[in-house]
Amino acid sequence: MTGGSEVNTAEPRMTVPLNTWILISKFKLDYTMLRRSDGTFDRELNEYLDRKVPANAIPVDGVYSFDVFDRPTMLVNRVYLPAPEDELKCGIPEVEKPLSTTEIVPVIIFFHGGSFVHSSANSAIYDTSCRRLVKTCSAAVVSVNYRRSPEHRYPCAYDDGWTALKWVHSTLWLRSGKENKAHVYLAGDSSGGNIAHHVAVRAAQEGVEVLGNILLHPLFGGEERTESEKRLDGKYFVRIQDRDWYWRAYLPEGEDRDHPACNVFGPRSTNLNGLTFPRSLVIVAGLDLVQDWQLRYVQGLETQGQQVKLLYLEKATIGFYFFPNNDHFQRLMDEIRGFVQSKELE
């Protein structure tokens, strides 16, 4: 295990495409500057360093976007929609008009990553990712600007995710198909994958329909130090001590990493047996130090009778999907498309 603060950068440069290595390394440098040893966070500097983009009602590569402010909950969602053939008709949709009355248009509720602390729905990297999801899945995407820690600890992010799910189901212009309903999927990377899981659990408990979960190297953990954490500590951009900081910033004060928010199949977790939990697609990057927890998550779903598909990318690192410059990226897009369309075609 790495004892100091150094991160081994030689091996990642040999394994990861150069522009991906530069981007992720830049993020990690920024993140190190922003975290304080007393558990606080420089939010003002974070907002300055995080490149953001506005919504764009003018279609770009067949996708347009707009922000929706829900006054009762104070939650902002960025909505991405496929542009109609007549692009002059783009803009905020009519509130009484569904996406389609004949075809099913999936609605993917997306939770961005950033270890519960960084990034937002208008971060440039996630704006691009959501646009790709629209094109890949012929879907609408709702990117949730959930509250972040350490200012807003557990369960704020989960509560905002639940609010977004209810909002989507209640929004007439996100419905489609002959049943005139929202065909909802939950998706997220890193902490966003964690949020998607917990929102899906609550949906299953309260009988709210979710058709599927797409979890991209979801952030899980526990008090135990796993083999992959020891082996990959300090390699491929991430150190265990960084992950520990983020959990301390998010979990209730005084809690440890066996809290069910972190250790989702641990001693205090929710049992999913008997629940109508959505089928899941779990993507694990083989060079992510928390991969053992992600693989245990897949095993936990299987043990508790839930449907899950694992996509294990042996040579992928965190953030590999930000650039379409590797074979992993295209395989991921194909798997997500197949996962969403397989349900819609049943």
Protein backbone atom coordinates (compact mmCIF):
# COMPACT_ATOMS: atom_id res chain seq x y z
CA MET A 1 0.00 0.00 0.00
CA THR A 2 1.29 3.46 -0.80
CA GLY A 3 2.49 5.11 2.37
CA GLY A 4 3.13 8.67 1.17
CA SER A 5 1.22 11.15 -0.92
CA GLU A 6 2.86 10.23 -4.22
CA VAL A 7 0.81 8.66 -6.99
CA ASN A 8 2.49 6.31 -9.44
CA THR A 9 2.02 8.01 -12.82
CA ALA A 10 4.36 6.01 -15.04
CA GLU A 11 2.17 2.93 -15.44
CA PRO A 12 -1.08 4.86 -16.12
CA ARG A 13 0.66 6.78 -18.90
CA MET A 14 1.57 3.46 -20.52
CA THR A 15 -1.96 2.04 -20.20
CA VAL A 16 -4.28 5.02 -20.68
CA PRO A 17 -4.67 7.14 -23.84
CA LEU A 18 -2.74 10.38 -23.41
CA ASN A 19 -5.67 12.81 -23.46
CA THR A 20 -7.57 10.69 -20.93
CA TRP A 21 -4.50 10.55 -18.69
CA ILE A 22 -4.10 14.33 -18.87
CA LEU A 23 -7.78 14.98 -18.10
CA ILE A 24 -8.01 12.62 -15.13
CA SER A 25 -4.63 13.76 -13.78
CA LYS A 26 -5.82 17.37 -13.95
CA PHE A 27 -8.96 16.46 -12.03
CA LYS A 28 -6.96 14.69 -9.34
CA LEU A 29 -4.59 17.63 -8.95
CA ASP A 30 -7.56 19.98 -8.58
CA TYR A 31 -9.27 17.66 -6.13
CA THR A 32 -6.18 17.44 -3.93
CA MET A 33 -6.04 21.24 -3.72
CA LEU A 34 -9.73 21.47 -2.84
CA ARG A 35 -9.85 18.93 -0.01
CA ARG A 36 -8.86 20.18 3.43
CA SER A 37 -7.49 18.01 6.22
CA ASP A 38 -10.20 19.22 8.61
CA GLY A 39 -12.89 17.70 6.35
CA THR A 40 -14.00 20.99 4.79
CA PHE A 41 -13.90 21.75 1.08
CA ASP A 42 -13.07 24.84 -0.99
CA ARG A 43 -16.36 25.09 -2.85
CA GLU A 44 -15.66 28.52 -4.32
CA LEU A 45 -12.40 27.39 -5.93
CA ASN A 46 -14.07 24.17 -7.07
CA GLU A 47 -16.71 26.10 -8.98
CA TYR A 48 -13.99 28.19 -10.61
CA LEU A 49 -11.93 25.16 -11.69
CA ASP A 50 -14.87 23.06 -12.92
CA ARG A 51 -15.50 23.99 -16.55
CA LYS A 52 -19.22 24.42 -17.04
CA VAL A 53 -21.42 24.87 -20.08
CA PRO A 54 -24.87 26.41 -20.39
CA ALA A 55 -27.88 24.54 -21.69
CA ASN A 56 -28.30 24.90 -25.43
CA ALA A 57 -31.70 25.02 -27.10
CA ILE A 58 -29.93 25.02 -30.48
CA PRO A 59 -29.33 21.39 -31.47
CA VAL A 60 -25.75 20.18 -31.46
CA ASP A 61 -25.25 16.84 -33.20
CA GLY A 62 -28.98 16.22 -33.00
CA VAL A 63 -29.43 16.96 -29.28
CA TYR A 64 -30.71 20.07 -27.50
CA SER A 65 -30.96 20.88 -23.81
CA PHE A 66 -32.60 23.17 -21.29
CA ASP A 67 -32.64 23.56 -17.51
CA VAL A 68 -35.78 23.03 -15.44
CA PHE A 69 -36.13 24.59 -12.01
CA ASP A 70 -38.65 22.83 -9.78
CA ARG A 71 -39.72 25.59 -7.41
CA PRO A 72 -41.32 23.41 -4.69
CA THR A 73 -38.13 21.36 -4.23
CA MET A 74 -35.56 23.96 -5.40
CA LEU A 75 -34.02 21.20 -7.54
CA VAL A 76 -32.53 21.93 -10.97
CA ASN A 77 -32.52 19.28 -13.68
CA ARG A 78 -30.88 19.58 -17.07
CA VAL A 79 -33.00 17.90 -19.73
CA TYR A 80 -31.57 16.59 -23.00
CA LEU A 81 -33.86 15.66 -25.87
CA PRO A 82 -33.35 14.36 -29.41
CA ALA A 83 -33.89 17.17 -31.88
CA PRO A 84 -36.89 16.71 -34.17
CA GLU A 85 -36.29 16.45 -37.88
CA ASP A 86 -37.48 20.02 -38.18
CA GLU A 87 -34.92 21.57 -35.83
CA LEU A 88 -36.80 24.88 -35.87
CA LYS A 89 -39.32 23.23 -33.55
CA CYS A 90 -36.75 22.76 -30.78
CA GLY A 91 -37.20 24.39 -27.42
CA ILE A 92 -38.97 23.70 -24.16
CA PRO A 93 -41.69 21.14 -25.03
CA GLU A 94 -45.37 21.73 -24.67
CA VAL A 95 -46.38 20.76 -21.13
CA GLU A 96 -49.33 18.64 -22.27
CA LYS A 97 -47.60 16.90 -25.17
CA PRO A 98 -45.77 13.56 -24.62
CA LEU A 99 -42.48 12.68 -26.27
CA SER A 100 -44.36 10.30 -28.54
CA THR A 101 -47.82 8.78 -28.65
CA THR A 102 -46.72 5.77 -30.70
CA GLU A 103 -43.09 4.93 -29.90
CA ILE A 104 -41.45 4.40 -26.53
CA VAL A 105 -38.78 6.99 -25.72
CA PRO A 106 -36.70 5.89 -22.71
CA VAL A 107 -36.00 8.51 -20.03
CA ILE A 108 -32.60 8.07 -18.41
CA ILE A 109 -32.21 9.87 -15.08
CA PHE A 110 -28.49 10.49 -14.80
CA PHE A 111 -26.50 11.16 -11.62
CA HIS A 112 -23.04 12.59 -12.23
CA GLY A 113 -19.97 11.33 -10.42
CA GLY A 114 -17.48 13.22 -8.32
CA SER A 115 -17.47 11.25 -5.05
CA PHE A 116 -20.57 13.15 -3.84
CA VAL A 117 -18.45 16.33 -3.72
CA HIS A 118 -17.31 17.41 -7.18
CA SER A 119 -18.95 18.22 -10.53
CA SER A 120 -22.53 19.18 -11.33
CA ALA A 121 -25.16 18.72 -13.99
CA ASN A 122 -23.66 21.57 -16.01
CA SER A 123 -20.05 20.34 -15.86
CA ALA A 124 -18.73 20.13 -19.40
CA ILE A 125 -17.66 16.49 -19.15
CA TYR A 126 -21.12 15.42 -18.03
CA ASP A 127 -22.94 17.61 -20.52
CA THR A 128 -21.04 15.75 -23.23
CA SER A 129 -21.72 12.36 -21.62
CA CYS A 130 -25.46 13.01 -21.42
CA ARG A 131 -25.59 14.08 -25.04
CA ARG A 132 -23.93 10.81 -25.99
CA LEU A 133 -26.53 8.87 -24.02
CA VAL A 134 -29.32 10.61 -25.94
CA LYS A 135 -27.75 9.65 -29.26
CA THR A 136 -26.78 6.14 -28.20
CA CYS A 137 -30.13 5.14 -26.72
CA SER A 138 -32.54 7.39 -28.67
CA ALA A 139 -33.60 8.58 -25.25
CA ALA A 140 -34.38 11.63 -23.20
CA VAL A 141 -31.88 12.28 -20.41
CA VAL A 142 -32.54 14.13 -17.17
CA SER A 143 -29.30 15.07 -15.42
CA VAL A 144 -29.86 15.78 -11.72
CA ASN A 145 -28.04 18.64 -10.01
CA TYR A 146 -28.17 17.02 -6.59
CA ARG A 147 -26.78 18.65 -3.45
CA ARG A 148 -23.17 17.81 -2.70
CA SER A 149 -21.19 17.05 0.42
CA PRO A 150 -19.64 18.01 2.78
CA GLU A 151 -22.13 20.89 2.93
CA HIS A 152 -25.00 18.45 2.39
CA ARG A 153 -24.30 15.02 3.82
CA TYR A 154 -26.22 11.75 3.63
CA PRO A 155 -29.05 11.39 2.74
CA CYS A 156 -29.35 14.64 0.76
CA ALA A 157 -28.12 13.25 -2.57
CA TYR A 158 -30.49 10.27 -2.26
CA ASP A 159 -33.40 12.52 -1.37
CA ASP A 160 -32.73 14.69 -4.42
CA GLY A 161 -32.52 11.59 -6.60
CA TRP A 162 -35.87 10.41 -5.27
CA THR A 163 -37.38 13.84 -5.92
CA ALA A 164 -36.09 13.73 -9.49
CA LEU A 165 -37.58 10.28 -10.05
CA LYS A 166 -40.99 11.42 -8.84
CA TRP A 167 -40.73 14.58 -10.95
CA VAL A 168 -40.01 12.56 -14.09
CA HIS A 169 -42.97 10.28 -13.50
CA SER A 170 -45.25 13.28 -12.95
CA THR A 171 -44.09 15.21 -16.01
CA LEU A 172 -46.46 14.76 -18.93
CA TRP A 173 -43.97 15.76 -21.62
CA LEU A 174 -41.58 12.96 -20.58
CA ARG A 175 -44.15 10.26 -21.23
CA SER A 176 -44.32 8.15 -24.37
CA GLY A 177 -45.83 5.08 -25.96
CA LYS A 178 -49.35 3.76 -26.04
CA GLU A 179 -49.41 3.48 -22.24
CA ASN A 180 -48.61 7.20 -21.97
CA LYS A 181 -46.10 6.85 -19.14
CA ALA A 182 -42.44 7.60 -18.46
CA HIS A 183 -40.18 4.65 -19.23
CA VAL A 184 -37.50 5.34 -16.64
CA TYR A 185 -33.93 4.13 -16.23
CA LEU A 186 -31.47 5.26 -13.58
CA ALA A 187 -27.80 5.74 -14.45
CA GLY A 188 -24.68 7.20 -12.94
CA ASP A 189 -20.93 6.89 -12.63
CA SER A 190 -18.91 6.64 -9.41
CA SER A 191 -20.99 8.29 -6.66
CA GLY A 192 -23.75 8.71 -9.23
CA GLY A 193 -23.94 4.93 -9.55
CA ASN A 194 -24.21 4.71 -5.78
CA ILE A 195 -27.08 7.21 -5.83
CA ALA A 196 -28.84 5.29 -8.61
CA HIS A 197 -28.74 2.12 -6.50
CA HIS A 198 -30.20 3.76 -3.40
CA VAL A 199 -32.93 5.56 -5.35
CA ALA A 200 -33.81 2.24 -7.00
CA VAL A 201 -34.08 0.56 -3.60
CA ARG A 202 -36.53 3.19 -2.40
CA ALA A 203 -38.48 2.93 -5.65
CA ALA A 204 -38.78 -0.83 -5.18
CA GLN A 205 -39.93 -0.37 -1.60
CA GLU A 206 -42.57 2.21 -2.54
CA GLY A 207 -43.76 0.65 -5.79
CA VAL A 208 -42.43 3.30 -8.19
CA GLU A 209 -41.46 1.82 -11.55
CA VAL A 210 -37.83 1.83 -12.68
CA LEU A 211 -37.04 -0.34 -15.69
CA GLY A 212 -33.30 -0.62 -15.20
CA ASN A 213 -30.15 0.61 -13.50
CA ILE A 214 -26.91 1.44 -15.31
CA LEU A 215 -24.07 1.68 -12.79
CA LEU A 216 -20.71 2.78 -14.18
CA HIS A 217 -17.90 1.83 -11.74
CA PRO A 218 -20.22 2.66 -8.81
CA LEU A 219 -18.67 3.98 -5.61
CA PHE A 220 -19.13 1.41 -2.84
CA GLY A 221 -16.88 0.38 0.02
CA GLY A 222 -16.57 -0.81 3.60
CA GLU A 223 -14.27 -0.96 6.58
CA GLU A 224 -12.40 -3.96 5.21
CA ARG A 225 -9.41 -3.31 2.96
CA THR A 226 -9.85 -5.52 -0.09
CA GLU A 227 -7.18 -7.03 -2.30
CA SER A 228 -7.80 -4.56 -5.14
CA GLU A 229 -7.61 -1.59 -2.77
CA LYS A 230 -4.21 -2.74 -1.53
CA ARG A 231 -2.91 -3.65 -4.98
CA LEU A 232 -4.06 -0.51 -6.80
CA ASP A 233 -3.59 2.05 -4.04
CA GLY A 234 -1.71 5.01 -5.53
CA LYS A 235 -1.94 3.67 -9.07
CA TYR A 236 -4.27 4.88 -11.80
CA PHE A 237 -5.02 8.24 -10.19
CA VAL A 238 -6.63 7.19 -6.89
CA ARG A 239 -5.42 6.54 -3.34
CA ILE A 240 -7.32 4.82 -0.55
CA GLN A 241 -6.89 7.85 1.69
CA ASP A 242 -8.69 9.97 -0.93
CA ARG A 243 -11.64 7.59 -0.95
CA ASP A 244 -11.71 7.62 2.86
CA TRP A 245 -11.86 11.43 2.87
CA TYR A 246 -14.89 11.45 0.59
CA TRP A 247 -16.75 8.91 2.72
CA ARG A 248 -16.05 10.94 5.86
CA ALA A 249 -17.38 14.01 4.01
CA TYR A 250 -20.60 12.27 2.94
CA LEU A 251 -21.59 9.85 5.70
CA PRO A 252 -23.25 11.07 8.91
CA GLU A 253 -20.65 12.35 11.34
CA GLY A 254 -19.24 9.55 13.48
CA GLU A 255 -20.29 6.79 11.05
CA ASP A 256 -17.85 4.30 9.55
CA ARG A 257 -17.72 2.82 6.06
CA ASP A 258 -19.95 -0.12 6.97
CA HIS A 259 -22.84 2.33 6.91
CA PRO A 260 -25.37 0.99 4.34
CA ALA A 261 -24.83 4.02 2.11
CA CYS A 262 -21.30 2.75 1.50
CA ASN A 263 -21.40 -1.00 2.22
CA VAL A 264 -24.66 -1.76 0.44
CA PHE A 265 -24.55 -5.50 1.15
CA GLY A 266 -22.93 -5.16 4.55
CA PRO A 267 -24.21 -5.99 8.03
CA ARG A 268 -26.74 -3.12 8.10
CA SER A 269 -27.86 -3.13 4.47
CA THR A 270 -31.36 -3.45 3.06
CA ASN A 271 -32.33 -6.97 2.01
CA LEU A 272 -33.64 -6.99 -1.56
CA ASN A 273 -35.20 -10.45 -1.42
CA GLY A 274 -38.83 -10.21 -2.48
CA LEU A 275 -38.51 -6.67 -3.84
CA THR A 276 -39.19 -5.87 -7.48
CA PHE A 277 -35.77 -4.34 -7.95
CA PRO A 278 -34.87 -3.19 -11.48
CA ARG A 279 -32.51 -5.25 -13.57
CA SER A 280 -29.00 -3.84 -13.52
CA LEU A 281 -26.07 -3.34 -15.84
CA VAL A 282 -22.89 -2.91 -13.76
CA ILE A 283 -19.71 -1.75 -15.46
CA VAL A 284 -16.46 -2.45 -13.60
CA ALA A 285 -13.12 -0.96 -14.63
CA GLY A 286 -10.36 -3.47 -13.96
CA LEU A 287 -7.94 -0.73 -12.86
CA ASP A 288 -10.33 0.89 -10.38
CA LEU A 289 -9.11 0.23 -6.84
CA VAL A 290 -12.67 -0.29 -5.50
CA GLN A 291 -13.49 -2.95 -8.09
CA ASP A 292 -13.71 -5.67 -5.42
CA TRP A 293 -16.62 -3.82 -3.83
CA GLN A 294 -18.29 -3.47 -7.22
CA LEU A 295 -17.90 -7.19 -7.91
CA ARG A 296 -19.33 -7.96 -4.47
CA TYR A 297 -22.26 -5.74 -5.39
CA VAL A 298 -22.95 -7.86 -8.47
CA GLN A 299 -22.69 -10.99 -6.35
CA GLY A 300 -25.00 -9.47 -3.73
CA LEU A 301 -27.67 -8.75 -6.34
CA GLU A 302 -27.43 -12.31 -7.67
CA THR A 303 -27.56 -13.82 -4.18
CA GLN A 304 -30.71 -11.84 -3.39
CA GLY A 305 -32.46 -12.98 -6.55
CA GLN A 306 -32.05 -9.88 -8.68
CA GLN A 307 -31.26 -9.70 -12.39
CA VAL A 308 -27.83 -8.24 -13.13
CA LYS A 309 -25.36 -8.18 -16.00
CA LEU A 310 -21.68 -7.49 -15.41
CA LEU A 311 -19.46 -5.76 -17.95
CA TYR A 312 -15.87 -6.17 -16.73
CA LEU A 313 -13.30 -4.15 -18.67
CA GLU A 314 -9.95 -5.49 -17.52
CA LYS A 315 -7.70 -2.66 -18.74
CA ALA A 316 -10.08 0.25 -18.19
CA THR A 317 -9.49 2.99 -15.64
CA ILE A 318 -11.91 5.40 -14.04
CA GLY A 319 -13.03 8.05 -16.53
CA PHE A 320 -12.33 5.93 -19.62
CA TYR A 321 -15.76 6.90 -21.02
CA PHE A 322 -15.06 10.64 -21.16
CA PHE A 323 -13.29 10.24 -24.52
CA PRO A 324 -14.26 7.98 -27.46
CA ASN A 325 -10.57 7.14 -27.95
CA ASN A 326 -10.50 3.54 -26.75
CA ASP A 327 -12.15 0.21 -27.45
CA HIS A 328 -13.73 0.21 -24.00
CA PHE A 329 -15.77 3.31 -24.88
CA GLN A 330 -17.48 1.77 -27.90
CA ARG A 331 -18.14 -1.49 -26.09
CA LEU A 332 -19.71 0.45 -23.23
CA MET A 333 -21.99 2.39 -25.57
CA ASP A 334 -23.05 -0.83 -27.32
CA GLU A 335 -23.82 -2.51 -23.98
CA ILE A 336 -25.88 0.44 -22.72
CA ARG A 337 -27.81 0.63 -25.98
CA GLY A 338 -28.53 -3.09 -25.89
CA PHE A 339 -29.53 -2.96 -22.23
CA VAL A 340 -32.08 -0.19 -22.78
CA GLN A 341 -33.41 -1.39 -26.11
CA SER A 342 -33.77 -5.01 -25.02
CA LYS A 343 -36.48 -3.98 -22.53
CA GLU A 344 -38.18 -1.57 -24.88
CA LEU A 345 -38.42 -4.20 -27.60
CA GLU A 346 -40.06 -6.83 -25.37
